């Protein structure tokens, strides 16, 4: 029996492009398609990126560009940065573009997409959500969501903080939040509280630092001037966690000792911080989503029904992990 050509191509691409992906990331299963079906070289993807958010987002963008070249996909890349209305304009542009046959978006905001998604559906252009979700209730308007379980990432961070503060009499934790309105920020905060509050942790300060190292440092500096009664800091991404580390050092507190610090993404900078004994834990969020997204896009273009969520598998890394240096050496983002 002939092997599925689409599956073979997908396996080759994942092997050659996703060198820095976390262990266990798997492609969505796709059933056999007719010989007359769309191929990767027939796809013209309109991709709407969130914008610059540090090393994770840079790796995510590179994954889409490099995988497109490897597969022969034509990619029209729009880096919208912020605010969200730039994404809306780009989405409308791709709907009107007669060449684009699939739209992929990492939505900055979780709401406000109904009319555009409906218009894309009416014009026969499948929409794939990448990395970030939209509000619940609009699942019939897009083909699938490819990305992480942000709530579960928050739960993992909460469980890790419970472990770190198990012997502490006080369990006051400060939270550095991503941009307001994003699914990642809301879900990670929700998941963290679900587990952390069960072991007596209290979030006494919480504020957005927009995924930014400088803003993260500035916010922690302000809070430290008001009070030093803090036992842990939960940063919703690595950059904000690195900012918190600098703020603690600035006043003579020892990061990861005097104040436990947990961040999310597992970038190379976070691994270096753990090797430097400055960061206790980083929770993985894999940015190399393009092979899965493109495979799902091709299936949707060929009229196949996909699961509404194609998740990635991710790990939790502790400062005291025995193989930390080996893992860090292989980190490409």
Protein backbone atom coordinates (compact mmCIF):
# COMPACT_ATOMS: atom_id res chain seq x y z
CA UNK A 1 0.00 0.00 0.00
CA UNK A 2 1.31 3.47 -0.87
CA UNK A 3 2.49 5.59 1.98
CA UNK A 4 0.65 8.81 2.64
CA UNK A 5 2.71 11.48 0.80
CA UNK A 6 1.38 14.28 2.96
CA UNK A 7 2.36 12.53 6.16
CA UNK A 8 5.85 11.79 4.81
CA UNK A 9 6.41 15.43 3.86
CA UNK A 10 5.20 16.54 7.27
CA UNK A 11 7.59 14.20 9.06
CA UNK A 12 10.55 15.40 6.99
CA UNK A 13 9.75 19.05 7.66
CA UNK A 14 9.30 18.56 11.38
CA UNK A 15 12.62 16.77 11.53
CA UNK A 16 14.53 19.45 9.61
CA UNK A 17 12.91 22.65 10.81
CA UNK A 18 11.80 22.10 14.41
CA UNK A 19 15.28 21.44 15.74
CA UNK A 20 14.64 23.55 18.83
CA UNK A 21 11.15 22.25 19.56
CA UNK A 22 10.44 20.68 22.91
CA UNK A 23 10.50 16.91 23.08
CA UNK A 24 7.16 15.31 22.39
CA UNK A 25 5.66 17.86 19.99
CA UNK A 26 3.49 15.88 17.56
CA UNK A 27 1.81 16.78 14.27
CA UNK A 28 -1.94 16.50 13.82
CA UNK A 29 -2.99 13.27 12.12
CA UNK A 30 -4.34 13.82 8.60
CA UNK A 31 -6.26 11.26 6.59
CA UNK A 32 -5.34 10.32 3.02
CA UNK A 33 -6.28 12.93 0.40
CA UNK A 34 -7.02 12.47 -3.33
CA UNK A 35 -4.27 12.96 -5.88
CA UNK A 36 -6.08 16.07 -7.14
CA UNK A 37 -6.09 17.73 -3.72
CA UNK A 38 -4.24 20.90 -2.81
CA UNK A 39 -0.54 20.46 -2.12
CA UNK A 40 1.75 22.61 0.02
CA UNK A 41 2.98 24.38 -3.10
CA UNK A 42 -0.62 25.41 -3.86
CA UNK A 43 -1.07 27.16 -0.52
CA UNK A 44 -0.74 30.93 -0.14
CA UNK A 45 -0.89 31.70 3.57
CA UNK A 46 -1.74 35.10 4.98
CA UNK A 47 -0.14 35.03 8.45
CA UNK A 48 -0.87 37.75 11.03
CA UNK A 49 1.71 37.79 13.82
CA UNK A 50 1.25 39.48 17.20
CA UNK A 51 4.47 41.47 17.04
CA UNK A 52 7.75 41.50 18.93
CA UNK A 53 7.56 39.94 22.41
CA UNK A 54 11.12 38.77 22.91
CA UNK A 55 12.95 35.56 22.05
CA UNK A 56 9.86 33.34 22.05
CA UNK A 57 8.02 35.40 19.45
CA UNK A 58 11.13 35.74 17.29
CA UNK A 59 11.50 31.95 17.26
CA UNK A 60 7.82 31.60 16.44
CA UNK A 61 8.10 33.95 13.45
CA UNK A 62 11.26 32.22 12.23
CA UNK A 63 9.48 28.86 12.40
CA UNK A 64 6.76 30.07 10.04
CA UNK A 65 9.21 31.61 7.57
CA UNK A 66 11.67 28.72 7.51
CA UNK A 67 9.00 26.03 7.31
CA UNK A 68 7.30 27.87 4.42
CA UNK A 69 10.54 27.78 2.45
CA UNK A 70 11.10 24.10 3.22
CA UNK A 71 7.57 23.13 2.14
CA UNK A 72 7.25 25.44 -0.82
CA UNK A 73 4.37 27.34 0.81
CA UNK A 74 4.02 30.96 -0.26
CA UNK A 75 3.81 33.07 2.89
CA UNK A 76 2.48 36.61 3.16
CA UNK A 77 3.74 37.64 6.60
CA UNK A 78 2.21 40.57 8.48
CA UNK A 79 3.86 41.57 11.77
CA UNK A 80 1.15 43.67 13.35
CA UNK A 81 2.80 44.56 16.67
CA UNK A 82 0.08 46.45 18.57
CA UNK A 83 -2.62 47.71 18.95
CA UNK A 84 -5.07 45.05 17.91
CA UNK A 85 -6.77 47.17 15.23
CA UNK A 86 -3.70 46.62 13.02
CA UNK A 87 -4.48 42.91 13.11
CA UNK A 88 -8.07 43.59 12.11
CA UNK A 89 -6.91 45.64 9.11
CA UNK A 90 -4.49 42.89 8.08
CA UNK A 91 -7.20 40.24 8.41
CA UNK A 92 -9.51 42.24 6.16
CA UNK A 93 -6.68 42.70 3.67
CA UNK A 94 -6.10 38.94 3.48
CA UNK A 95 -9.84 38.28 3.04
CA UNK A 96 -9.82 40.66 0.07
CA UNK A 97 -6.55 39.32 -1.36
CA UNK A 98 -7.54 36.95 -4.22
CA UNK A 99 -4.24 35.05 -3.91
CA UNK A 100 -4.54 34.14 -0.23
CA UNK A 101 -6.41 30.86 0.31
CA UNK A 102 -5.73 30.29 4.04
CA UNK A 103 -5.49 32.81 6.88
CA UNK A 104 -3.43 32.11 10.01
CA UNK A 105 -3.53 34.47 12.97
CA UNK A 106 -2.08 34.72 16.45
CA UNK A 107 -4.71 37.10 17.88
CA UNK A 108 -3.51 39.86 20.18
CA UNK A 109 -6.99 40.19 21.67
CA UNK A 110 -9.33 37.30 22.44
CA UNK A 111 -12.53 39.14 21.44
CA UNK A 112 -13.92 41.07 18.49
CA UNK A 113 -13.29 38.57 15.68
CA UNK A 114 -16.79 37.27 14.90
CA UNK A 115 -17.59 39.40 11.83
CA UNK A 116 -14.19 38.90 10.19
CA UNK A 117 -14.20 35.15 10.84
CA UNK A 118 -17.67 34.88 9.37
CA UNK A 119 -16.59 36.86 6.31
CA UNK A 120 -13.56 34.61 5.82
CA UNK A 121 -15.78 31.54 6.13
CA UNK A 122 -18.25 32.97 3.61
CA UNK A 123 -15.43 33.51 1.11
CA UNK A 124 -14.20 29.93 1.59
CA UNK A 125 -10.90 30.81 3.27
CA UNK A 126 -10.11 28.52 6.24
CA UNK A 127 -8.76 30.27 9.32
CA UNK A 128 -6.21 28.65 11.66
CA UNK A 129 -5.60 30.14 15.10
CA UNK A 130 -1.95 29.83 16.13
CA UNK A 131 -0.63 30.14 19.69
CA UNK A 132 -3.53 32.21 21.04
CA UNK A 133 -7.23 31.46 21.30
CA UNK A 134 -10.28 33.66 20.86
CA UNK A 135 -13.39 33.79 23.03
CA UNK A 136 -15.31 30.57 23.58
CA UNK A 137 -18.42 30.25 21.42
CA UNK A 138 -16.88 30.97 18.01
CA UNK A 139 -15.46 27.52 17.33
CA UNK A 140 -17.58 27.01 14.20
CA UNK A 141 -15.97 30.07 12.56
CA UNK A 142 -12.40 28.70 12.37
CA UNK A 143 -10.85 25.39 11.35
CA UNK A 144 -8.71 24.71 14.42
CA UNK A 145 -6.47 26.19 17.10
CA UNK A 146 -2.84 25.02 17.21
CA UNK A 147 -1.03 25.87 20.41
CA UNK A 148 -0.44 25.42 24.09
CA UNK A 149 -2.78 24.90 27.00
CA UNK A 150 -2.16 28.23 28.74
CA UNK A 151 -4.35 27.30 31.72
CA UNK A 152 -2.30 24.14 32.20
CA UNK A 153 0.91 26.18 31.99
CA UNK A 154 -0.44 28.33 34.81
CA UNK A 155 -1.36 25.26 36.81
CA UNK A 156 2.16 23.87 36.39
CA UNK A 157 3.60 27.19 37.59
CA UNK A 158 1.25 27.18 40.58
CA UNK A 159 2.16 23.61 41.51
CA UNK A 160 5.86 24.46 41.25
CA UNK A 161 5.41 27.53 43.46
CA UNK A 162 3.61 25.39 46.05
CA UNK A 163 6.60 23.05 46.05
CA UNK A 164 9.10 25.90 46.40
CA UNK A 165 7.20 27.56 49.27
CA UNK A 166 6.21 24.35 51.07
CA UNK A 167 8.30 25.21 54.14
CA UNK A 168 7.59 28.94 54.18
CA UNK A 169 5.47 30.44 56.96
CA UNK A 170 4.30 33.18 54.61
CA UNK A 171 3.30 32.61 50.99
CA UNK A 172 2.84 36.05 49.48
CA UNK A 173 3.38 36.01 45.73
CA UNK A 174 3.59 38.85 43.20
CA UNK A 175 2.39 38.31 39.64
CA UNK A 176 3.70 39.97 36.48
CA UNK A 177 1.00 39.72 33.81
CA UNK A 178 1.21 39.79 30.00
CA UNK A 179 -0.80 42.21 27.88
CA UNK A 180 -4.36 42.74 29.10
CA UNK A 181 -6.95 40.95 26.98
CA UNK A 182 -4.72 38.20 25.60
CA UNK A 183 -5.74 34.59 26.11
CA UNK A 184 -2.25 33.72 27.34
CA UNK A 185 -2.38 36.30 30.13
CA UNK A 186 -5.89 35.44 31.27
CA UNK A 187 -5.44 31.67 31.12
CA UNK A 188 -2.03 31.55 32.79
CA UNK A 189 -3.32 33.71 35.63
CA UNK A 190 -6.38 31.50 36.03
CA UNK A 191 -4.38 28.27 36.02
CA UNK A 192 -1.84 29.62 38.52
CA UNK A 193 -4.54 30.51 41.03
CA UNK A 194 -6.30 27.18 40.59
CA UNK A 195 -3.31 25.31 42.01
CA UNK A 196 -1.44 27.93 44.06
CA UNK A 197 -4.38 28.91 46.25
CA UNK A 198 -4.85 25.28 47.30
CA UNK A 199 -1.54 25.37 49.19
CA UNK A 200 -2.19 28.74 50.85
CA UNK A 201 -0.45 31.04 48.36
CA UNK A 202 -1.88 34.56 48.21
CA UNK A 203 -1.31 36.80 45.18
CA UNK A 204 -0.82 40.16 46.90
CA UNK A 205 0.26 42.18 43.83
CA UNK A 206 -0.65 41.67 40.18
CA UNK A 207 0.01 44.03 37.27
CA UNK A 208 0.61 43.89 33.53
CA UNK A 209 4.19 44.30 32.33
CA UNK A 210 3.29 43.56 28.70
CA UNK A 211 5.70 40.60 28.40
CA UNK A 212 8.57 43.12 28.68
CA UNK A 213 11.79 42.77 30.69
CA UNK A 214 12.13 46.50 31.40
CA UNK A 215 8.52 46.91 32.50
CA UNK A 216 8.83 43.79 34.64
CA UNK A 217 11.87 45.24 36.41
CA UNK A 218 10.25 48.64 36.90
CA UNK A 219 7.08 47.20 38.42
CA UNK A 220 8.98 45.00 40.88
CA UNK A 221 11.15 47.97 41.87
CA UNK A 222 8.04 50.01 42.69
CA UNK A 223 6.53 47.18 44.73
CA UNK A 224 9.77 46.62 46.64
CA UNK A 225 9.78 50.28 47.70
CA UNK A 226 6.32 49.76 49.16
CA UNK A 227 7.01 46.40 50.84
CA UNK A 228 9.53 43.58 50.87
CA UNK A 229 7.03 41.06 52.23
CA UNK A 230 7.18 38.74 49.25
CA UNK A 231 8.19 35.09 49.11
CA UNK A 232 7.61 34.38 45.42
CA UNK A 233 7.23 36.03 42.02
CA UNK A 234 5.23 34.48 39.19
CA UNK A 235 6.12 36.00 35.81
CA UNK A 236 3.85 34.99 32.95
CA UNK A 237 6.83 34.95 30.58
CA UNK A 238 10.61 34.67 30.87
CA UNK A 239 11.35 38.28 29.93
CA UNK A 240 9.28 39.65 32.82
CA UNK A 241 10.92 37.10 35.11
CA UNK A 242 14.37 38.31 34.06
CA UNK A 243 13.28 41.85 34.85
CA UNK A 244 12.19 40.73 38.32
CA UNK A 245 15.61 39.17 38.89
CA UNK A 246 17.35 42.46 38.14
CA UNK A 247 15.01 44.38 40.45
CA UNK A 248 15.76 42.03 43.35
CA UNK A 249 19.51 42.20 42.78
CA UNK A 250 19.37 45.99 42.71
CA UNK A 251 18.35 46.14 46.38
CA UNK A 252 20.54 43.28 47.56
CA UNK A 253 17.98 40.46 47.65
CA UNK A 254 19.13 37.10 46.26
CA UNK A 255 16.86 35.86 43.44
CA UNK A 256 15.71 32.25 43.71
CA UNK A 257 16.80 32.21 47.37
CA UNK A 258 15.26 35.17 49.20
CA UNK A 259 12.41 35.27 46.69
CA UNK A 260 11.45 32.25 44.59
CA UNK A 261 10.88 33.04 40.90
CA UNK A 262 8.90 31.10 38.29
CA UNK A 263 8.43 32.14 34.67
CA UNK A 264 6.90 30.66 31.51
CA UNK A 265 8.30 29.95 28.01
CA UNK A 266 11.60 28.09 28.68
CA UNK A 267 13.75 30.23 26.41
CA UNK A 268 17.54 29.96 26.33
CA UNK A 269 17.76 33.10 28.50
CA UNK A 270 15.65 31.40 31.17
CA UNK A 271 17.90 28.33 31.10
CA UNK A 272 20.94 30.56 31.51
CA UNK A 273 19.26 32.27 34.47
CA UNK A 274 18.68 28.87 36.07
CA UNK A 275 22.30 27.87 35.44
CA UNK A 276 23.28 31.17 37.11
CA UNK A 277 21.08 30.15 40.08
CA UNK A 278 18.83 33.21 39.60
CA UNK A 279 15.62 31.50 38.41
CA UNK A 280 13.96 28.56 40.14
CA UNK A 281 11.62 27.24 37.45
CA UNK A 282 10.56 27.85 33.86
CA UNK A 283 7.47 26.24 32.33
CA UNK A 284 7.80 25.36 28.65
CA UNK A 285 5.73 26.95 25.90
CA UNK A 286 6.89 25.69 22.50
CA UNK A 287 7.10 28.42 19.79
CA UNK A 288 7.91 26.16 16.82
CA UNK A 289 4.33 25.66 15.71
CA UNK A 290 4.63 26.12 11.94
CA UNK A 291 4.88 22.44 10.89
CA UNK A 292 1.66 21.64 12.76
CA UNK A 293 -0.07 24.80 11.57
CA UNK A 294 0.79 24.27 7.90
CA UNK A 295 -0.26 20.64 8.01
CA UNK A 296 -3.58 21.62 9.57
CA UNK A 297 -4.00 24.45 7.03
CA UNK A 298 -3.51 22.03 4.13
CA UNK A 299 -6.05 19.62 5.58
CA UNK A 300 -8.59 22.43 6.07
CA UNK A 301 -8.01 23.68 2.53
CA UNK A 302 -8.79 20.18 1.28
CA UNK A 303 -12.10 20.21 3.14
CA UNK A 304 -11.13 17.95 6.02
CA UNK A 305 -12.65 18.35 9.47
CA UNK A 306 -10.04 18.96 12.16
CA UNK A 307 -10.23 18.79 15.94
CA UNK A 308 -10.87 22.24 17.34
CA UNK A 309 -7.62 22.12 19.29
CA UNK A 310 -4.27 20.61 18.29
CA UNK A 311 -2.14 20.86 21.46
CA UNK A 312 1.62 20.81 21.88
CA UNK A 313 3.36 18.80 24.62
CA UNK A 314 5.52 20.77 27.03
CA UNK A 315 7.67 20.28 30.11
CA UNK A 316 8.60 21.98 33.37
CA UNK A 317 12.26 22.67 34.15
CA UNK A 318 13.71 23.22 37.63
CA UNK A 319 16.97 24.92 38.54
CA UNK A 320 18.19 21.71 40.19
CA UNK A 321 17.42 19.35 37.28
CA UNK A 322 20.47 17.13 36.71
CA UNK A 323 20.44 17.45 32.90
CA UNK A 324 19.75 21.19 32.85
CA UNK A 325 23.08 22.14 31.25
CA UNK A 326 22.62 19.59 28.47
CA UNK A 327 19.09 20.84 27.72
CA UNK A 328 20.26 24.45 27.78
CA UNK A 329 23.03 23.70 25.27
CA UNK A 330 20.46 22.46 22.77
CA UNK A 331 18.09 25.41 23.17
CA UNK A 332 17.87 27.49 20.01
CA UNK A 333 15.53 30.24 21.16
